[in-house]
């Protein structure tokens, strides 16, 4: 992912509108690119502070961003776990089909 692609996706990340693969690529880039991480922080602080000010809430935006990033990483781990389980079931199904075919051909 390029920095330009990453910056275009920041609003989707902040708005929680990213799908698994896009989020995974986005987080990998943000984790490795200080410039894009800084841009994420700036945009998050601006957007979320405006929302909190309108509501009159007390807020800690650094903590909120950290929690959002952690939650996104957790969602990616869960999704990848589901993919692994799905792959395992596919392999078991294929082994079962192969076993039935071998049994029929005997």
N, C-alpha and C. Protein backbone atom coordinates (compact mmCIF):
# COMPACT_ATOMS: atom_id res chain seq x y z
N UNK A 1 0.85 -1.18 0.00
CA UNK A 1 0.00 0.00 0.00
C UNK A 1 0.89 1.23 0.00
N UNK A 2 0.53 2.19 -0.81
CA UNK A 2 1.28 3.44 -0.86
C UNK A 2 0.73 4.40 0.21
N UNK A 3 1.50 5.43 0.48
CA UNK A 3 1.06 6.44 1.45
C UNK A 3 -0.22 7.13 0.96
N UNK A 4 -0.30 7.38 -0.32
CA UNK A 4 -1.48 8.04 -0.88
C UNK A 4 -2.73 7.17 -0.68
N UNK A 5 -2.61 5.88 -0.95
CA UNK A 5 -3.75 4.97 -0.74
C UNK A 5 -4.14 4.93 0.74
N UNK A 6 -3.13 4.90 1.59
CA UNK A 6 -3.38 4.85 3.03
C UNK A 6 -4.12 6.11 3.49
N UNK A 7 -3.67 7.27 3.07
CA UNK A 7 -4.29 8.52 3.48
C UNK A 7 -5.74 8.61 3.02
N UNK A 8 -6.03 8.05 1.84
CA UNK A 8 -7.41 8.05 1.35
C UNK A 8 -8.31 7.17 2.20
N UNK A 9 -7.73 6.17 2.86
CA UNK A 9 -8.52 5.23 3.64
C UNK A 9 -8.69 5.64 5.10
N UNK A 10 -8.00 6.66 5.53
CA UNK A 10 -8.10 7.09 6.92
C UNK A 10 -9.54 7.40 7.33
N UNK A 11 -10.31 8.16 6.54
CA UNK A 11 -11.71 8.41 6.95
C UNK A 11 -12.53 7.14 7.11
N UNK A 12 -12.29 6.14 6.25
CA UNK A 12 -13.01 4.87 6.38
C UNK A 12 -12.61 4.15 7.67
N UNK A 13 -11.33 4.23 8.03
CA UNK A 13 -10.90 3.60 9.28
C UNK A 13 -11.55 4.31 10.47
N UNK A 14 -11.51 5.62 10.48
CA UNK A 14 -12.10 6.37 11.58
C UNK A 14 -13.59 6.11 11.67
N UNK A 15 -14.25 6.00 10.52
CA UNK A 15 -15.69 5.75 10.49
C UNK A 15 -16.07 4.29 10.64
N UNK A 16 -15.08 3.42 10.87
CA UNK A 16 -15.30 1.97 11.03
C UNK A 16 -16.01 1.38 9.81
N UNK A 17 -15.54 1.75 8.63
CA UNK A 17 -16.16 1.30 7.39
C UNK A 17 -15.22 0.44 6.55
N UNK A 18 -14.23 -0.17 7.18
CA UNK A 18 -13.25 -0.94 6.41
C UNK A 18 -13.55 -2.43 6.52
N UNK A 19 -13.32 -3.14 5.43
CA UNK A 19 -13.45 -4.59 5.43
C UNK A 19 -12.12 -5.20 5.87
N UNK A 20 -12.14 -6.50 6.09
CA UNK A 20 -10.99 -7.21 6.65
C UNK A 20 -9.68 -6.94 5.91
N UNK A 21 -9.64 -7.25 4.64
CA UNK A 21 -8.38 -7.15 3.90
C UNK A 21 -7.88 -5.71 3.82
N UNK A 22 -8.79 -4.78 3.59
CA UNK A 22 -8.39 -3.38 3.54
C UNK A 22 -7.86 -2.90 4.88
N UNK A 23 -8.51 -3.33 5.96
CA UNK A 23 -8.07 -2.93 7.29
C UNK A 23 -6.70 -3.53 7.60
N UNK A 24 -6.51 -4.78 7.20
CA UNK A 24 -5.23 -5.44 7.47
C UNK A 24 -4.11 -4.70 6.75
N UNK A 25 -4.29 -4.40 5.48
CA UNK A 25 -3.28 -3.68 4.71
C UNK A 25 -3.06 -2.28 5.27
N UNK A 26 -4.15 -1.61 5.66
CA UNK A 26 -4.06 -0.27 6.23
C UNK A 26 -3.23 -0.29 7.51
N UNK A 27 -3.53 -1.20 8.43
CA UNK A 27 -2.82 -1.26 9.70
C UNK A 27 -1.35 -1.63 9.50
N UNK A 28 -1.08 -2.55 8.58
CA UNK A 28 0.31 -2.91 8.31
C UNK A 28 1.08 -1.67 7.84
N UNK A 29 0.46 -0.88 6.98
CA UNK A 29 1.14 0.33 6.48
C UNK A 29 1.31 1.36 7.59
N UNK A 30 0.25 1.60 8.35
CA UNK A 30 0.32 2.60 9.43
C UNK A 30 1.37 2.20 10.47
N UNK A 31 1.47 0.89 10.74
CA UNK A 31 2.46 0.42 11.71
C UNK A 31 3.90 0.63 11.22
N UNK A 32 4.08 0.63 9.90
CA UNK A 32 5.43 0.74 9.37
C UNK A 32 5.77 2.14 8.84
N UNK A 33 4.81 3.03 8.78
CA UNK A 33 5.03 4.36 8.19
C UNK A 33 4.66 5.46 9.19
N UNK A 34 5.67 6.10 9.73
CA UNK A 34 5.45 7.14 10.73
C UNK A 34 4.65 8.32 10.19
N UNK A 35 4.86 8.65 8.94
CA UNK A 35 4.16 9.77 8.33
C UNK A 35 2.66 9.50 8.23
N UNK A 36 2.29 8.29 7.82
CA UNK A 36 0.87 7.95 7.71
C UNK A 36 0.24 7.78 9.10
N UNK A 37 1.01 7.27 10.04
CA UNK A 37 0.49 7.16 11.40
C UNK A 37 0.21 8.56 11.96
N UNK A 38 1.11 9.48 11.70
CA UNK A 38 0.90 10.86 12.16
C UNK A 38 -0.35 11.47 11.51
N UNK A 39 -0.54 11.21 10.23
CA UNK A 39 -1.72 11.71 9.54
C UNK A 39 -2.99 11.10 10.12
N UNK A 40 -2.94 9.81 10.46
CA UNK A 40 -4.08 9.15 11.11
C UNK A 40 -4.38 9.83 12.44
N UNK A 41 -3.36 10.07 13.24
CA UNK A 41 -3.56 10.72 14.53
C UNK A 41 -4.19 12.10 14.35
N UNK A 42 -3.69 12.87 13.41
CA UNK A 42 -4.21 14.22 13.18
C UNK A 42 -5.68 14.17 12.78
N UNK A 43 -5.98 13.35 11.77
CA UNK A 43 -7.37 13.27 11.31
C UNK A 43 -8.30 12.73 12.39
N UNK A 44 -7.83 11.75 13.16
CA UNK A 44 -8.64 11.19 14.24
C UNK A 44 -8.92 12.25 15.29
N UNK A 45 -7.88 12.98 15.68
CA UNK A 45 -8.05 14.02 16.70
C UNK A 45 -9.03 15.09 16.25
N UNK A 46 -8.93 15.49 15.00
CA UNK A 46 -9.83 16.54 14.49
C UNK A 46 -11.27 16.03 14.46
N UNK A 47 -11.47 14.89 13.81
CA UNK A 47 -12.83 14.39 13.65
C UNK A 47 -13.48 14.03 14.98
N UNK A 48 -12.79 13.30 15.81
CA UNK A 48 -13.37 12.86 17.08
C UNK A 48 -13.52 13.99 18.08
N UNK A 49 -12.58 14.94 18.08
CA UNK A 49 -12.71 16.05 19.03
C UNK A 49 -13.92 16.90 18.69
N UNK A 50 -14.19 17.08 17.40
CA UNK A 50 -15.38 17.84 17.00
C UNK A 50 -16.65 17.14 17.49
N UNK A 51 -16.70 15.83 17.35
CA UNK A 51 -17.88 15.07 17.79
C UNK A 51 -18.05 15.18 19.30
N UNK A 52 -16.95 15.08 20.04
CA UNK A 52 -17.03 15.16 21.51
C UNK A 52 -17.40 16.57 21.97
N UNK A 53 -16.86 17.56 21.29
CA UNK A 53 -17.18 18.93 21.69
C UNK A 53 -18.66 19.23 21.47
N UNK A 54 -19.22 18.73 20.38
CA UNK A 54 -20.65 18.93 20.11
C UNK A 54 -21.50 18.28 21.20
N UNK A 55 -21.04 17.11 21.69
CA UNK A 55 -21.79 16.40 22.72
C UNK A 55 -21.50 16.94 24.11
N UNK A 56 -20.43 17.70 24.26
CA UNK A 56 -20.06 18.24 25.57
C UNK A 56 -19.40 17.20 26.46
N UNK A 57 -18.86 16.14 25.84
CA UNK A 57 -18.23 15.06 26.61
C UNK A 57 -16.81 15.41 27.03
N UNK A 58 -16.35 14.73 28.06
CA UNK A 58 -14.94 14.75 28.44
C UNK A 58 -14.30 13.60 27.66
N UNK A 59 -13.11 13.82 27.12
CA UNK A 59 -12.55 12.79 26.26
C UNK A 59 -11.04 12.72 26.34
N UNK A 60 -10.51 11.54 26.01
CA UNK A 60 -9.07 11.28 25.91
C UNK A 60 -8.86 10.65 24.54
N UNK A 61 -8.57 11.48 23.55
CA UNK A 61 -8.51 11.01 22.17
C UNK A 61 -7.34 10.08 21.91
N UNK A 62 -6.23 10.28 22.58
CA UNK A 62 -5.10 9.37 22.40
C UNK A 62 -5.50 7.95 22.83
N UNK A 63 -6.18 7.86 23.95
CA UNK A 63 -6.64 6.56 24.43
C UNK A 63 -7.66 5.96 23.47
N UNK A 64 -8.56 6.80 22.97
CA UNK A 64 -9.59 6.32 22.05
C UNK A 64 -8.98 5.79 20.76
N UNK A 65 -7.97 6.48 20.23
CA UNK A 65 -7.31 6.00 19.02
C UNK A 65 -6.58 4.70 19.30
N UNK A 66 -5.88 4.64 20.41
CA UNK A 66 -5.17 3.41 20.78
C UNK A 66 -6.16 2.24 20.89
N UNK A 67 -7.31 2.48 21.51
CA UNK A 67 -8.32 1.44 21.64
C UNK A 67 -8.90 1.05 20.28
N UNK A 68 -9.10 2.03 19.41
CA UNK A 68 -9.63 1.74 18.07
C UNK A 68 -8.65 0.86 17.29
N UNK A 69 -7.35 1.18 17.39
CA UNK A 69 -6.34 0.38 16.71
C UNK A 69 -6.28 -1.03 17.29
N UNK A 70 -6.33 -1.14 18.61
CA UNK A 70 -6.31 -2.46 19.24
C UNK A 70 -7.52 -3.28 18.85
N UNK A 71 -8.69 -2.66 18.83
CA UNK A 71 -9.93 -3.34 18.44
C UNK A 71 -9.84 -3.82 16.99
N UNK A 72 -9.29 -3.01 16.12
CA UNK A 72 -9.14 -3.39 14.72
C UNK A 72 -8.20 -4.57 14.58
N UNK A 73 -7.10 -4.55 15.30
CA UNK A 73 -6.17 -5.69 15.26
C UNK A 73 -6.82 -6.95 15.80
N UNK A 74 -7.63 -6.81 16.85
CA UNK A 74 -8.33 -7.97 17.42
C UNK A 74 -9.32 -8.54 16.40
N UNK A 75 -10.04 -7.65 15.71
CA UNK A 75 -10.99 -8.11 14.69
C UNK A 75 -10.28 -8.86 13.57
N UNK A 76 -9.09 -8.38 13.19
CA UNK A 76 -8.32 -9.07 12.16
C UNK A 76 -7.90 -10.45 12.64
N UNK A 77 -7.43 -10.56 13.88
CA UNK A 77 -7.05 -11.88 14.42
C UNK A 77 -8.24 -12.83 14.44
N UNK A 78 -9.40 -12.34 14.83
CA UNK A 78 -10.61 -13.18 14.86
C UNK A 78 -10.96 -13.63 13.45
N UNK A 79 -10.94 -12.71 12.50
CA UNK A 79 -11.28 -13.06 11.12
C UNK A 79 -10.29 -14.09 10.57
N UNK A 80 -9.01 -13.89 10.85
CA UNK A 80 -8.01 -14.85 10.38
C UNK A 80 -8.21 -16.21 11.03
N UNK A 81 -8.61 -16.24 12.29
CA UNK A 81 -8.92 -17.51 12.95
C UNK A 81 -10.09 -18.21 12.28
N UNK A 82 -11.11 -17.45 11.93
CA UNK A 82 -12.26 -18.02 11.24
C UNK A 82 -11.85 -18.57 9.89
N UNK A 83 -10.97 -17.86 9.18
CA UNK A 83 -10.48 -18.35 7.90
C UNK A 83 -9.72 -19.66 8.07
N UNK A 84 -8.91 -19.76 9.11
CA UNK A 84 -8.15 -20.99 9.35
C UNK A 84 -9.09 -22.16 9.64
N UNK A 85 -10.10 -21.93 10.47
CA UNK A 85 -11.07 -22.99 10.78
C UNK A 85 -11.81 -23.40 9.52
N UNK A 86 -12.20 -22.42 8.70
CA UNK A 86 -12.88 -22.72 7.44
C UNK A 86 -12.01 -23.55 6.53
N UNK A 87 -10.73 -23.20 6.46
CA UNK A 87 -9.79 -23.96 5.64
C UNK A 87 -9.65 -25.38 6.16
N UNK A 88 -9.59 -25.54 7.47
CA UNK A 88 -9.51 -26.87 8.06
C UNK A 88 -10.73 -27.71 7.70
N UNK A 89 -11.93 -27.11 7.80
CA UNK A 89 -13.14 -27.84 7.44
C UNK A 89 -13.15 -28.20 5.96
N UNK A 90 -12.65 -27.33 5.11
CA UNK A 90 -12.57 -27.65 3.68
C UNK A 90 -11.64 -28.84 3.45
N UNK A 91 -10.51 -28.84 4.14
CA UNK A 91 -9.56 -29.95 4.00
C UNK A 91 -10.18 -31.25 4.49
N UNK A 92 -10.89 -31.19 5.61
CA UNK A 92 -11.54 -32.40 6.13
C UNK A 92 -12.62 -32.89 5.17
N UNK A 93 -13.37 -31.98 4.59
CA UNK A 93 -14.40 -32.36 3.62
C UNK A 93 -13.77 -33.01 2.40
N UNK A 94 -12.68 -32.44 1.91
CA UNK A 94 -11.99 -33.03 0.76
C UNK A 94 -11.46 -34.41 1.09
N UNK A 95 -10.91 -34.57 2.30
CA UNK A 95 -10.42 -35.89 2.71
C UNK A 95 -11.58 -36.87 2.79
N UNK A 96 -12.72 -36.42 3.28
CA UNK A 96 -13.90 -37.29 3.35
C UNK A 96 -14.37 -37.70 1.97
N UNK A 97 -14.42 -36.77 1.05
CA UNK A 97 -14.82 -37.08 -0.33
C UNK A 97 -13.83 -38.05 -0.95
N UNK A 98 -12.56 -37.79 -0.75
CA UNK A 98 -11.53 -38.69 -1.28
C UNK A 98 -11.68 -40.08 -0.69
N UNK A 99 -11.96 -40.15 0.60
CA UNK A 99 -12.17 -41.45 1.24
C UNK A 99 -13.36 -42.18 0.66
N UNK A 100 -14.45 -41.48 0.40
CA UNK A 100 -15.64 -42.10 -0.18
C UNK A 100 -15.33 -42.59 -1.59
N UNK A 101 -14.62 -41.78 -2.38
CA UNK A 101 -14.28 -42.18 -3.75
C UNK A 101 -13.41 -43.42 -3.74
N UNK A 102 -12.41 -43.45 -2.87
CA UNK A 102 -11.53 -44.63 -2.77
C UNK A 102 -12.36 -45.84 -2.35
N UNK A 103 -13.23 -45.69 -1.39
CA UNK A 103 -14.06 -46.80 -0.91
C UNK A 103 -14.97 -47.32 -2.03
N UNK A 104 -15.55 -46.42 -2.83
CA UNK A 104 -16.44 -46.84 -3.93
C UNK A 104 -15.67 -47.55 -5.02
N UNK A 105 -14.45 -47.11 -5.30
CA UNK A 105 -13.65 -47.70 -6.38
C UNK A 105 -13.03 -49.04 -6.02
N UNK A 106 -13.11 -49.45 -4.80
CA UNK A 106 -12.52 -50.74 -4.39
C UNK A 106 -13.23 -51.83 -5.05
